[in-house]
Amino acid sequence: MATQAHFIELRDRVSQVLAAYRKQNWSAAVTALSACRQKLNGLDLTAFCKLYEARIEAFKVNPPPPDWDGVATLQTK
C-alpha cells in the first residue's frame, strides 16, 4: 500500500500540513488540511484533520513562542 500512487499523494499532503504547521504558517496548513480531506482514498484522516484544525485555531489566538519546535505538550490527563 505504501507504494501505491494515492498513498504517496496522501503522504505528501500530510507532509505539507506538518511542514506549514511547524513553520507557523497557519493559512498554508489549513489549505493543506483541506487537500488532505479531499484525497482520503478510503483512508480516514478525519481525526488527524480535526486535531490539527483545533490546534491551529488555538495558536491563532495564542501563538506559540518563537522557539517553538512544533511539539504539543499536553497540560491535562
PDB file of N, CA and C in Angstrom:
ATOM      1  N   MET A   1       0.821  -1.199   0.000  1.00  0.00           N
ATOM      2  CA  MET A   1       0.000   0.000   0.000  1.00  0.00           C
ATOM      3  C   MET A   1       0.861   1.259   0.000  1.00  0.00           C
ATOM      4  N   ALA A   2       1.989   1.241   0.691  1.00  0.00           N
ATOM      5  CA  ALA A   2       2.827   2.432   0.805  1.00  0.00           C
ATOM      6  C   ALA A   2       3.428   2.869  -0.522  1.00  0.00           C
ATOM      7  N   THR A   3       3.419   2.010  -1.506  1.00  0.00           N
ATOM      8  CA  THR A   3       3.970   2.374  -2.808  1.00  0.00           C
ATOM      9  C   THR A   3       2.897   2.740  -3.816  1.00  0.00           C
ATOM     10  N   GLN A   4       1.630   2.637  -3.442  1.00  0.00           N
ATOM     11  CA  GLN A   4       0.547   2.991  -4.351  1.00  0.00           C
ATOM     12  C   GLN A   4       0.489   4.507  -4.513  1.00  0.00           C
ATOM     13  N   ALA A   5       0.155   4.937  -5.711  1.00  0.00           N
ATOM     14  CA  ALA A   5       0.166   6.363  -6.049  1.00  0.00           C
ATOM     15  C   ALA A   5      -0.714   7.190  -5.119  1.00  0.00           C
ATOM     16  N   HIS A   6      -1.924   6.707  -4.779  1.00  0.00           N
ATOM     17  CA  HIS A   6      -2.809   7.517  -3.944  1.00  0.00           C
ATOM     18  C   HIS A   6      -2.264   7.633  -2.522  1.00  0.00           C
ATOM     19  N   PHE A   7      -1.585   6.608  -2.045  1.00  0.00           N
ATOM     20  CA  PHE A   7      -0.986   6.686  -0.714  1.00  0.00           C
ATOM     21  C   PHE A   7       0.174   7.673  -0.717  1.00  0.00           C
ATOM     22  N   ILE A   8       0.985   7.639  -1.745  1.00  0.00           N
ATOM     23  CA  ILE A   8       2.119   8.565  -1.855  1.00  0.00           C
ATOM     24  C   ILE A   8       1.618  10.005  -1.920  1.00  0.00           C
ATOM     25  N   GLU A   9       0.556  10.228  -2.669  1.00  0.00           N
ATOM     26  CA  GLU A   9      -0.018  11.577  -2.772  1.00  0.00           C
ATOM     27  C   GLU A   9      -0.536  12.039  -1.404  1.00  0.00           C
ATOM     28  N   LEU A  10      -1.220  11.159  -0.708  1.00  0.00           N
ATOM     29  CA  LEU A  10      -1.738  11.496   0.614  1.00  0.00           C
ATOM     30  C   LEU A  10      -0.595  11.763   1.592  1.00  0.00           C
ATOM     31  N   ARG A  11       0.432  10.930   1.549  1.00  0.00           N
ATOM     32  CA  ARG A  11       1.603  11.131   2.409  1.00  0.00           C
ATOM     33  C   ARG A  11       2.230  12.499   2.152  1.00  0.00           C
ATOM     34  N   ASP A  12       2.331  12.886   0.898  1.00  0.00           N
ATOM     35  CA  ASP A  12       2.906  14.182   0.553  1.00  0.00           C
ATOM     36  C   ASP A  12       2.041  15.326   1.071  1.00  0.00           C
ATOM     37  N   ARG A  13       0.733  15.163   1.015  1.00  0.00           N
ATOM     38  CA  ARG A  13      -0.168  16.209   1.517  1.00  0.00           C
ATOM     39  C   ARG A  13      -0.067  16.330   3.039  1.00  0.00           C
ATOM     40  N   VAL A  14       0.032  15.206   3.729  1.00  0.00           N
ATOM     41  CA  VAL A  14       0.205  15.247   5.191  1.00  0.00           C
ATOM     42  C   VAL A  14       1.537  15.922   5.518  1.00  0.00           C
ATOM     43  N   SER A  15       2.562  15.631   4.761  1.00  0.00           N
ATOM     44  CA  SER A  15       3.864  16.279   4.970  1.00  0.00           C
ATOM     45  C   SER A  15       3.761  17.788   4.787  1.00  0.00           C
ATOM     46  N   GLN A  16       2.945  18.221   3.818  1.00  0.00           N
ATOM     47  CA  GLN A  16       2.734  19.656   3.606  1.00  0.00           C
ATOM     48  C   GLN A  16       2.044  20.286   4.816  1.00  0.00           C
ATOM     49  N   VAL A  17       1.066  19.584   5.372  1.00  0.00           N
ATOM     50  CA  VAL A  17       0.376  20.079   6.574  1.00  0.00           C
ATOM     51  C   VAL A  17       1.383  20.276   7.691  1.00  0.00           C
ATOM     52  N   LEU A  18       2.158  19.248   7.957  1.00  0.00           N
ATOM     53  CA  LEU A  18       3.099  19.300   9.081  1.00  0.00           C
ATOM     54  C   LEU A  18       4.187  20.342   8.877  1.00  0.00           C
ATOM     55  N   ALA A  19       4.667  20.488   7.659  1.00  0.00           N
ATOM     56  CA  ALA A  19       5.698  21.492   7.385  1.00  0.00           C
ATOM     57  C   ALA A  19       5.156  22.904   7.619  1.00  0.00           C
ATOM     58  N   ALA A  20       3.971  23.183   7.113  1.00  0.00           N
ATOM     59  CA  ALA A  20       3.375  24.512   7.307  1.00  0.00           C
ATOM     60  C   ALA A  20       3.072  24.756   8.784  1.00  0.00           C
ATOM     61  N   TYR A  21       2.577  23.740   9.457  1.00  0.00           N
ATOM     62  CA  TYR A  21       2.259  23.841  10.893  1.00  0.00           C
ATOM     63  C   TYR A  21       3.518  24.173  11.699  1.00  0.00           C
ATOM     64  N   ARG A  22       4.594  23.474  11.439  1.00  0.00           N
ATOM     65  CA  ARG A  22       5.840  23.715  12.184  1.00  0.00           C
ATOM     66  C   ARG A  22       6.423  25.094  11.902  1.00  0.00           C
ATOM     67  N   LYS A  23       6.139  25.634  10.709  1.00  0.00           N
ATOM     68  CA  LYS A  23       6.599  26.981  10.354  1.00  0.00           C
ATOM     69  C   LYS A  23       5.639  28.061  10.844  1.00  0.00           C
ATOM     70  N   GLN A  24       4.553  27.629  11.495  1.00  0.00           N
ATOM     71  CA  GLN A  24       3.509  28.525  11.986  1.00  0.00           C
ATOM     72  C   GLN A  24       2.842  29.297  10.850  1.00  0.00           C
ATOM     73  N   ASN A  25       2.794  28.675   9.694  1.00  0.00           N
ATOM     74  CA  ASN A  25       2.100  29.235   8.542  1.00  0.00           C
ATOM     75  C   ASN A  25       0.698  28.633   8.545  1.00  0.00           C
ATOM     76  N   TRP A  26      -0.150  29.225   9.388  1.00  0.00           N
ATOM     77  CA  TRP A  26      -1.468  28.646   9.652  1.00  0.00           C
ATOM     78  C   TRP A  26      -2.333  28.559   8.413  1.00  0.00           C
ATOM     79  N   SER A  27      -2.318  29.579   7.577  1.00  0.00           N
ATOM     80  CA  SER A  27      -3.184  29.550   6.390  1.00  0.00           C
ATOM     81  C   SER A  27      -2.759  28.440   5.434  1.00  0.00           C
ATOM     82  N   ALA A  28      -1.469  28.242   5.256  1.00  0.00           N
ATOM     83  CA  ALA A  28      -0.996  27.159   4.387  1.00  0.00           C
ATOM     84  C   ALA A  28      -1.335  25.796   4.991  1.00  0.00           C
ATOM     85  N   ALA A  29      -1.247  25.684   6.304  1.00  0.00           N
ATOM     86  CA  ALA A  29      -1.577  24.421   6.968  1.00  0.00           C
ATOM     87  C   ALA A  29      -3.062  24.094   6.798  1.00  0.00           C
ATOM     88  N   VAL A  30      -3.917  25.092   6.940  1.00  0.00           N
ATOM     89  CA  VAL A  30      -5.360  24.877   6.772  1.00  0.00           C
ATOM     90  C   VAL A  30      -5.667  24.482   5.325  1.00  0.00           C
ATOM     91  N   THR A  31      -5.017  25.121   4.381  1.00  0.00           N
ATOM     92  CA  THR A  31      -5.212  24.776   2.970  1.00  0.00           C
ATOM     93  C   THR A  31      -4.771  23.339   2.708  1.00  0.00           C
ATOM     94  N   ALA A  32      -3.649  22.947   3.273  1.00  0.00           N
ATOM     95  CA  ALA A  32      -3.149  21.587   3.098  1.00  0.00           C
ATOM     96  C   ALA A  32      -4.084  20.574   3.776  1.00  0.00           C
ATOM     97  N   LEU A  33      -4.647  20.938   4.920  1.00  0.00           N
ATOM     98  CA  LEU A  33      -5.614  20.057   5.579  1.00  0.00           C
ATOM     99  C   LEU A  33      -6.839  19.846   4.704  1.00  0.00           C
ATOM    100  N   SER A  34      -7.278  20.897   4.063  1.00  0.00           N
ATOM    101  CA  SER A  34      -8.424  20.787   3.158  1.00  0.00           C
ATOM    102  C   SER A  34      -8.111  19.825   2.020  1.00  0.00           C
ATOM    103  N   ALA A  35      -6.903  19.900   1.515  1.00  0.00           N
ATOM    104  CA  ALA A  35      -6.496  18.982   0.448  1.00  0.00           C
ATOM    105  C   ALA A  35      -6.438  17.545   0.955  1.00  0.00           C
ATOM    106  N   CYS A  36      -6.022  17.364   2.203  1.00  0.00           N
ATOM    107  CA  CYS A  36      -5.995  16.012   2.790  1.00  0.00           C
ATOM    108  C   CYS A  36      -7.396  15.427   2.853  1.00  0.00           C
ATOM    109  N   ARG A  37      -8.345  16.237   3.220  1.00  0.00           N
ATOM    110  CA  ARG A  37      -9.727  15.752   3.308  1.00  0.00           C
ATOM    111  C   ARG A  37     -10.238  15.313   1.941  1.00  0.00           C
ATOM    112  N   GLN A  38      -9.795  15.969   0.893  1.00  0.00           N
ATOM    113  CA  GLN A  38     -10.265  15.650  -0.457  1.00  0.00           C
ATOM    114  C   GLN A  38      -9.566  14.430  -1.038  1.00  0.00           C
ATOM    115  N   LYS A  39      -8.469  14.016  -0.469  1.00  0.00           N
ATOM    116  CA  LYS A  39      -7.667  12.931  -1.031  1.00  0.00           C
ATOM    117  C   LYS A  39      -7.603  11.727  -0.104  1.00  0.00           C
ATOM    118  N   LEU A  40      -8.679  11.399   0.555  1.00  0.00           N
ATOM    119  CA  LEU A  40      -8.664  10.311   1.524  1.00  0.00           C
ATOM    120  C   LEU A  40      -8.501   8.936   0.870  1.00  0.00           C
ATOM    121  N   ASN A  41      -9.095   8.721  -0.286  1.00  0.00           N
ATOM    122  CA  ASN A  41      -8.976   7.444  -0.997  1.00  0.00           C
ATOM    123  C   ASN A  41      -9.190   6.240  -0.091  1.00  0.00           C
ATOM    124  N   GLY A  42     -10.227   6.309   0.706  1.00  0.00           N
ATOM    125  CA  GLY A  42     -10.529   5.194   1.594  1.00  0.00           C
ATOM    126  C   GLY A  42      -9.831   5.248   2.937  1.00  0.00           C
ATOM    127  N   LEU A  43      -8.904   6.146   3.116  1.00  0.00           N
ATOM    128  CA  LEU A  43      -8.208   6.291   4.392  1.00  0.00           C
ATOM    129  C   LEU A  43      -8.900   7.385   5.196  1.00  0.00           C
ATOM    130  N   ASP A  44      -9.138   7.128   6.446  1.00  0.00           N
ATOM    131  CA  ASP A  44      -9.868   8.067   7.289  1.00  0.00           C
ATOM    132  C   ASP A  44      -8.896   8.931   8.075  1.00  0.00           C
ATOM    133  N   LEU A  45      -8.745  10.165   7.647  1.00  0.00           N
ATOM    134  CA  LEU A  45      -7.873  11.121   8.335  1.00  0.00           C
ATOM    135  C   LEU A  45      -8.681  12.185   9.061  1.00  0.00           C
ATOM    136  N   THR A  46      -9.940  11.891   9.319  1.00  0.00           N
ATOM    137  CA  THR A  46     -10.811  12.856   9.982  1.00  0.00           C
ATOM    138  C   THR A  46     -10.245  13.290  11.320  1.00  0.00           C
ATOM    139  N   ALA A  47      -9.806  12.351  12.148  1.00  0.00           N
ATOM    140  CA  ALA A  47      -9.274  12.682  13.473  1.00  0.00           C
ATOM    141  C   ALA A  47      -8.016  13.535  13.349  1.00  0.00           C
ATOM    142  N   PHE A  48      -7.139  13.195  12.419  1.00  0.00           N
ATOM    143  CA  PHE A  48      -5.916  13.978  12.182  1.00  0.00           C
ATOM    144  C   PHE A  48      -6.269  15.405  11.795  1.00  0.00           C
ATOM    145  N   CYS A  49      -7.189  15.545  10.838  1.00  0.00           N
ATOM    146  CA  CYS A  49      -7.581  16.875  10.362  1.00  0.00           C
ATOM    147  C   CYS A  49      -8.213  17.697  11.480  1.00  0.00           C
ATOM    148  N   LYS A  50      -9.115  17.096  12.230  1.00  0.00           N
ATOM    149  CA  LYS A  50      -9.768  17.822  13.318  1.00  0.00           C
ATOM    150  C   LYS A  50      -8.769  18.243  14.387  1.00  0.00           C
ATOM    151  N   LEU A  51      -7.841  17.365  14.729  1.00  0.00           N
ATOM    152  CA  LEU A  51      -6.834  17.688  15.738  1.00  0.00           C
ATOM    153  C   LEU A  51      -6.006  18.892  15.326  1.00  0.00           C
ATOM    154  N   TYR A  52      -5.498  18.875  14.098  1.00  0.00           N
ATOM    155  CA  TYR A  52      -4.657  19.986  13.652  1.00  0.00           C
ATOM    156  C   TYR A  52      -5.457  21.256  13.406  1.00  0.00           C
ATOM    157  N   GLU A  53      -6.689  21.140  12.960  1.00  0.00           N
ATOM    158  CA  GLU A  53      -7.532  22.337  12.825  1.00  0.00           C
ATOM    159  C   GLU A  53      -7.756  22.990  14.183  1.00  0.00           C
ATOM    160  N   ALA A  54      -8.005  22.198  15.203  1.00  0.00           N
ATOM    161  CA  ALA A  54      -8.207  22.749  16.551  1.00  0.00           C
ATOM    162  C   ALA A  54      -6.932  23.391  17.069  1.00  0.00           C
ATOM    163  N   ARG A  55      -5.808  22.752  16.866  1.00  0.00           N
ATOM    164  CA  ARG A  55      -4.528  23.318  17.318  1.00  0.00           C
ATOM    165  C   ARG A  55      -4.233  24.631  16.606  1.00  0.00           C
ATOM    166  N   ILE A  56      -4.484  24.668  15.311  1.00  0.00           N
ATOM    167  CA  ILE A  56      -4.234  25.887  14.535  1.00  0.00           C
ATOM    168  C   ILE A  56      -5.124  27.022  15.021  1.00  0.00           C
ATOM    169  N   GLU A  57      -6.393  26.742  15.247  1.00  0.00           N
ATOM    170  CA  GLU A  57      -7.305  27.775  15.744  1.00  0.00           C
ATOM    171  C   GLU A  57      -6.827  28.300  17.103  1.00  0.00           C
ATOM    172  N   ALA A  58      -6.376  27.414  17.961  1.00  0.00           N
ATOM    173  CA  ALA A  58      -5.874  27.831  19.274  1.00  0.00           C
ATOM    174  C   ALA A  58      -4.612  28.683  19.126  1.00  0.00           C
ATOM    175  N   PHE A  59      -3.726  28.313  18.203  1.00  0.00           N
ATOM    176  CA  PHE A  59      -2.486  29.073  18.012  1.00  0.00           C
ATOM    177  C   PHE A  59      -2.735  30.417  17.341  1.00  0.00           C
ATOM    178  N   LYS A  60      -3.811  30.539  16.579  1.00  0.00           N
ATOM    179  CA  LYS A  60      -4.152  31.841  16.005  1.00  0.00           C
ATOM    180  C   LYS A  60      -4.487  32.832  17.113  1.00  0.00           C
ATOM    181  N   VAL A  61      -5.114  32.341  18.183  1.00  0.00           N
ATOM    182  CA  VAL A  61      -5.492  33.192  19.317  1.00  0.00           C
ATOM    183  C   VAL A  61      -4.313  33.398  20.261  1.00  0.00           C
ATOM    184  N   ASN A  62      -3.597  32.321  20.554  1.00  0.00           N
ATOM    185  CA  ASN A  62      -2.438  32.353  21.458  1.00  0.00           C
ATOM    186  C   ASN A  62      -1.248  31.711  20.756  1.00  0.00           C
ATOM    187  N   PRO A  63      -0.498  32.497  19.986  1.00  0.00           N
ATOM    188  CA  PRO A  63       0.615  31.931  19.220  1.00  0.00           C
ATOM    189  C   PRO A  63       1.666  31.285  20.125  1.00  0.00           C
ATOM    190  N   PRO A  64       2.311  30.240  19.607  1.00  0.00           N
ATOM    191  CA  PRO A  64       3.380  29.616  20.376  1.00  0.00           C
ATOM    192  C   PRO A  64       4.598  30.546  20.434  1.00  0.00           C
ATOM    193  N   PRO A  65       5.510  30.284  21.354  1.00  0.00           N
ATOM    194  CA  PRO A  65       6.699  31.135  21.465  1.00  0.00           C
ATOM    195  C   PRO A  65       7.602  31.002  20.235  1.00  0.00           C
ATOM    196  N   PRO A  66       8.476  31.970  20.019  1.00  0.00           N
ATOM    197  CA  PRO A  66       9.348  31.937  18.833  1.00  0.00           C
ATOM    198  C   PRO A  66      10.220  30.685  18.741  1.00  0.00           C
ATOM    199  N   ASP A  67      10.582  30.102  19.873  1.00  0.00           N
ATOM    200  CA  ASP A  67      11.450  28.927  19.859  1.00  0.00           C
ATOM    201  C   ASP A  67      10.668  27.607  19.801  1.00  0.00           C
ATOM    202  N   TRP A  68       9.375  27.685  19.547  1.00  0.00           N
ATOM    203  CA  TRP A  68       8.512  26.508  19.483  1.00  0.00           C
ATOM    204  C   TRP A  68       8.998  25.559  18.397  1.00  0.00           C
ATOM    205  N   ASP A  69       9.034  24.274  18.714  1.00  0.00           N
ATOM    206  CA  ASP A  69       9.541  23.284  17.773  1.00  0.00           C
ATOM    207  C   ASP A  69       8.441  22.424  17.133  1.00  0.00           C
ATOM    208  N   GLY A  70       7.194  22.786  17.362  1.00  0.00           N
ATOM    209  CA  GLY A  70       6.092  22.051  16.762  1.00  0.00           C
ATOM    210  C   GLY A  70       5.548  20.925  17.619  1.00  0.00           C
ATOM    211  N   VAL A  71       6.176  20.694  18.761  1.00  0.00           N
ATOM    212  CA  VAL A  71       5.744  19.625  19.639  1.00  0.00           C
ATOM    213  C   VAL A  71       4.634  20.127  20.553  1.00  0.00           C
ATOM    214  N   ALA A  72       3.568  19.347  20.660  1.00  0.00           N
ATOM    215  CA  ALA A  72       2.464  19.702  21.549  1.00  0.00           C
ATOM    216  C   ALA A  72       2.725  19.086  22.927  1.00  0.00           C
ATOM    217  N   THR A  73       2.602  19.913  23.951  1.00  0.00           N
ATOM    218  CA  THR A  73       2.749  19.441  25.317  1.00  0.00           C
ATOM    219  C   THR A  73       1.371  19.378  25.941  1.00  0.00           C
ATOM    220  N   LEU A  74       0.971  18.194  26.367  1.00  0.00           N
ATOM    221  CA  LEU A  74      -0.350  18.035  26.974  1.00  0.00           C
ATOM    222  C   LEU A  74      -0.338  18.611  28.379  1.00  0.00           C
ATOM    223  N   GLN A  75      -1.384  19.340  28.716  1.00  0.00           N
ATOM    224  CA  GLN A  75      -1.475  20.014  30.004  1.00  0.00           C
ATOM    225  C   GLN A  75      -2.360  19.265  30.997  1.00  0.00           C
ATOM    226  N   THR A  76      -3.208  18.378  30.508  1.00  0.00           N
ATOM    227  CA  THR A  76      -4.091  17.604  31.377  1.00  0.00           C
ATOM    228  C   THR A  76      -4.056  16.140  30.956  1.00  0.00           C
ATOM    229  N   LYS A  77      -4.570  15.328  31.833  1.00  0.00           N
ATOM    230  CA  LYS A  77      -4.585  13.907  31.564  1.00  0.00           C
ATOM    231  C   LYS A  77      -5.898  13.483  30.963  1.00  0.00           C
TER     232      LYS A  77
END
